[in-house]
C-alpha atoms as a PDB file:
ATOM      1  CA  MET A   1      10.224  -9.379 -15.887  1.00  0.00           C
ATOM      2  CA  SER A   2      13.150  -6.900 -16.177  1.00  0.00           C
ATOM      3  CA  ALA A   3      13.078  -3.409 -14.585  1.00  0.00           C
ATOM      4  CA  ASN A   4      12.223  -0.827 -17.230  1.00  0.00           C
ATOM      5  CA  THR A   5      15.310   1.542 -17.619  1.00  0.00           C
ATOM      6  CA  GLU A   6      13.230   4.631 -18.152  1.00  0.00           C
ATOM      7  CA  PHE A   7      10.973   3.799 -15.162  1.00  0.00           C
ATOM      8  CA  VAL A   8      14.046   3.213 -12.925  1.00  0.00           C
ATOM      9  CA  ALA A   9      15.369   6.658 -13.973  1.00  0.00           C
ATOM     10  CA  TYR A  10      12.054   8.311 -13.236  1.00  0.00           C
ATOM     11  CA  VAL A  11      11.618   6.634  -9.714  1.00  0.00           C
ATOM     12  CA  ARG A  12      15.247   7.542  -8.980  1.00  0.00           C
ATOM     13  CA  GLU A  13      14.412  11.207  -9.887  1.00  0.00           C
ATOM     14  CA  LEU A  14      11.394  11.183  -7.673  1.00  0.00           C
ATOM     15  CA  LEU A  15      13.236   9.850  -4.613  1.00  0.00           C
ATOM     16  CA  ALA A  16      16.487  11.902  -5.059  1.00  0.00           C
ATOM     17  CA  PRO A  17      15.235  14.428  -2.314  1.00  0.00           C
ATOM     18  CA  LEU A  18      15.418  11.558   0.302  1.00  0.00           C
ATOM     19  CA  GLY A  19      19.248  11.703   0.216  1.00  0.00           C
ATOM     20  CA  ASP A  20      21.635   8.786  -0.047  1.00  0.00           C
ATOM     21  CA  ILE A  21      19.779   6.537  -2.267  1.00  0.00           C
ATOM     22  CA  ARG A  22      21.795   3.795  -4.005  1.00  0.00           C
ATOM     23  CA  ASP A  23      20.425   1.435  -6.584  1.00  0.00           C
ATOM     24  CA  GLY A  24      21.482  -1.383  -8.790  1.00  0.00           C
ATOM     25  CA  LYS A  25      20.250  -4.505 -10.662  1.00  0.00           C
ATOM     26  CA  PHE A  26      19.433  -7.910  -9.166  1.00  0.00           C
ATOM     27  CA  PHE A  27      17.784 -10.804 -10.728  1.00  0.00           C
ATOM     28  CA  GLY A  28      16.270  -8.893 -13.485  1.00  0.00           C
ATOM     29  CA  GLY A  29      14.971  -6.287 -11.223  1.00  0.00           C
ATOM     30  CA  HIS A  30      16.336  -3.147  -9.690  1.00  0.00           C
ATOM     31  CA  ALA A  31      16.954  -2.659  -5.892  1.00  0.00           C
ATOM     32  CA  MET A  32      16.871   0.770  -4.136  1.00  0.00           C
ATOM     33  CA  LYS A  33      18.802   1.096  -0.888  1.00  0.00           C
ATOM     34  CA  HIS A  34      18.983   3.819   1.805  1.00  0.00           C
ATOM     35  CA  GLY A  35      21.826   3.459   4.417  1.00  0.00           C
ATOM     36  CA  GLY A  36      22.559   0.020   3.086  1.00  0.00           C
ATOM     37  CA  ASN A  37      19.025  -1.166   3.636  1.00  0.00           C
ATOM     38  CA  GLN A  38      16.980  -2.270   0.621  1.00  0.00           C
ATOM     39  CA  PHE A  39      13.691  -0.452   1.019  1.00  0.00           C
ATOM     40  CA  ALA A  40      12.284  -0.692  -2.593  1.00  0.00           C
ATOM     41  CA  MET A  41      12.559  -2.701  -5.719  1.00  0.00           C
ATOM     42  CA  ILE A  42      11.521  -2.259  -9.358  1.00  0.00           C
ATOM     43  CA  MET A  43      10.244  -5.100 -11.501  1.00  0.00           C
ATOM     44  CA  GLY A  44       9.180  -4.140 -14.961  1.00  0.00           C
ATOM     45  CA  ASN A  45       7.114  -1.008 -14.521  1.00  0.00           C
ATOM     46  CA  THR A  46       6.097  -1.684 -10.914  1.00  0.00           C
ATOM     47  CA  LEU A  47       7.615  -0.067  -7.829  1.00  0.00           C
ATOM     48  CA  TYR A  48       7.508  -2.189  -4.644  1.00  0.00           C
ATOM     49  CA  PHE A  49       8.118  -0.827  -1.201  1.00  0.00           C
ATOM     50  CA  ARG A  50       9.285  -2.725   1.860  1.00  0.00           C
ATOM     51  CA  VAL A  51       6.382  -3.070   4.424  1.00  0.00           C
ATOM     52  CA  ASP A  52       6.109  -4.098   8.015  1.00  0.00           C
ATOM     53  CA  GLU A  53       3.036  -5.151  10.260  1.00  0.00           C
ATOM     54  CA  GLY A  54       2.338  -1.396  10.739  1.00  0.00           C
ATOM     55  CA  SER A  55       2.404  -0.367   7.115  1.00  0.00           C
ATOM     56  CA  ARG A  56       0.899  -3.328   5.252  1.00  0.00           C
ATOM     57  CA  LEU A  57      -2.680  -2.516   5.967  1.00  0.00           C
ATOM     58  CA  ALA A  58      -2.354   0.797   4.146  1.00  0.00           C
ATOM     59  CA  TYR A  59      -1.251  -0.951   1.046  1.00  0.00           C
ATOM     60  CA  GLU A  60      -3.969  -3.592   1.257  1.00  0.00           C
ATOM     61  CA  LYS A  61      -6.574  -0.790   1.730  1.00  0.00           C
ATOM     62  CA  LYS A  62      -5.292   0.736  -1.515  1.00  0.00           C
ATOM     63  CA  GLY A  63      -5.632  -2.622  -3.264  1.00  0.00           C
ATOM     64  CA  SER A  64      -1.996  -3.104  -3.583  1.00  0.00           C
ATOM     65  CA  LYS A  65      -0.614  -6.521  -3.933  1.00  0.00           C
ATOM     66  CA  PRO A  66       2.730  -8.137  -2.565  1.00  0.00           C
ATOM     67  CA  PHE A  67       5.470  -9.054  -5.120  1.00  0.00           C
ATOM     68  CA  SER A  68       4.913 -12.450  -6.539  1.00  0.00           C
ATOM     69  CA  TYR A  69       6.590 -14.702  -9.085  1.00  0.00           C
ATOM     70  CA  SER A  70       5.782 -18.116 -10.587  1.00  0.00           C
ATOM     71  CA  THR A  71       7.824 -21.169 -10.153  1.00  0.00           C
ATOM     72  CA  LYS A  72       7.204 -24.745 -11.339  1.00  0.00           C
ATOM     73  CA  ASN A  73       5.498 -25.462  -8.059  1.00  0.00           C
ATOM     74  CA  GLY A  74       3.184 -22.470  -8.112  1.00  0.00           C
ATOM     75  CA  VAL A  75       3.109 -18.674  -7.225  1.00  0.00           C
ATOM     76  CA  VAL A  76       5.287 -17.351  -4.521  1.00  0.00           C
ATOM     77  CA  GLN A  77       4.274 -14.097  -2.687  1.00  0.00           C
ATOM     78  CA  VAL A  78       6.848 -12.039  -1.056  1.00  0.00           C
ATOM     79  CA  ARG A  79       4.836 -10.182   1.426  1.00  0.00           C
ATOM     80  CA  LYS A  80       7.439  -7.834   2.724  1.00  0.00           C
ATOM     81  CA  TYR A  81       7.257  -6.006  -0.487  1.00  0.00           C
ATOM     82  CA  TYR A  82       3.914  -4.476  -1.835  1.00  0.00           C
ATOM     83  CA  ALA A  83       3.362  -2.484  -5.028  1.00  0.00           C
ATOM     84  CA  ALA A  84       3.227   1.195  -4.412  1.00  0.00           C
ATOM     85  CA  PRO A  85      -0.204   2.645  -5.086  1.00  0.00           C
ATOM     86  CA  ALA A  86      -0.207   3.920  -8.612  1.00  0.00           C
ATOM     87  CA  GLU A  87      -1.407   7.286  -7.751  1.00  0.00           C
ATOM     88  CA  LEU A  88       1.805   7.912  -5.699  1.00  0.00           C
ATOM     89  CA  LEU A  89       3.668   8.297  -8.935  1.00  0.00           C
ATOM     90  CA  ASP A  90       1.579  11.361  -9.692  1.00  0.00           C
ATOM     91  CA  ASP A  91       2.334  12.870  -6.271  1.00  0.00           C
ATOM     92  CA  PRO A  92       6.021  13.060  -5.605  1.00  0.00           C
ATOM     93  CA  ALA A  93       5.740  14.418  -2.020  1.00  0.00           C
ATOM     94  CA  GLN A  94       3.213  11.661  -1.123  1.00  0.00           C
ATOM     95  CA  LEU A  95       5.621   8.954  -2.755  1.00  0.00           C
ATOM     96  CA  ARG A  96       8.334  10.231  -0.537  1.00  0.00           C
ATOM     97  CA  VAL A  97       6.125   9.852   2.556  1.00  0.00           C
ATOM     98  CA  TRP A  98       5.540   6.112   1.657  1.00  0.00           C
ATOM     99  CA  ALA A  99       9.308   5.792   0.799  1.00  0.00           C
ATOM    100  CA  ARG A 100      10.222   7.044   4.269  1.00  0.00           C
ATOM    101  CA  GLN A 101       7.941   4.537   5.831  1.00  0.00           C
ATOM    102  CA  ALA A 102       9.537   1.805   3.660  1.00  0.00           C
ATOM    103  CA  ILE A 103      12.957   3.018   4.727  1.00  0.00           C
ATOM    104  CA  SER A 104      11.937   2.562   8.353  1.00  0.00           C
ATOM    105  CA  ALA A 105      10.583  -0.844   7.713  1.00  0.00           C
ATOM    106  CA  ALA A 106      13.757  -1.856   6.114  1.00  0.00           C
ATOM    107  CA  GLN A 107      15.954  -0.467   8.834  1.00  0.00           C
ATOM    108  CA  ALA A 108      13.896  -2.408  11.529  1.00  0.00           C
ATOM    109  CA  ALA A 109      14.082  -5.591   9.812  1.00  0.00           C
END
């Protein structure tokens, strides 16, 4: 599932106030980095943020799921990246709060 170009541009615009955000393609997706640490990725039309033990519960309470992909041996879940709750895309200030948490999680990893 490739990252949607228009969606990447939209997310990039929303996160621009955070400062030094670098991004680029990887394995059909799109990685977003701050200070050299990947804190987010986009696959298709879904934004995933890096989580840690402290932030994972907030995502689960919102019904967010970890990034996953299928292999010939079954589904693999990448539990260090969770889908950003959809309502964040309509609230740029709140999106940036969650992005800052993801940046902190990425820096601590």
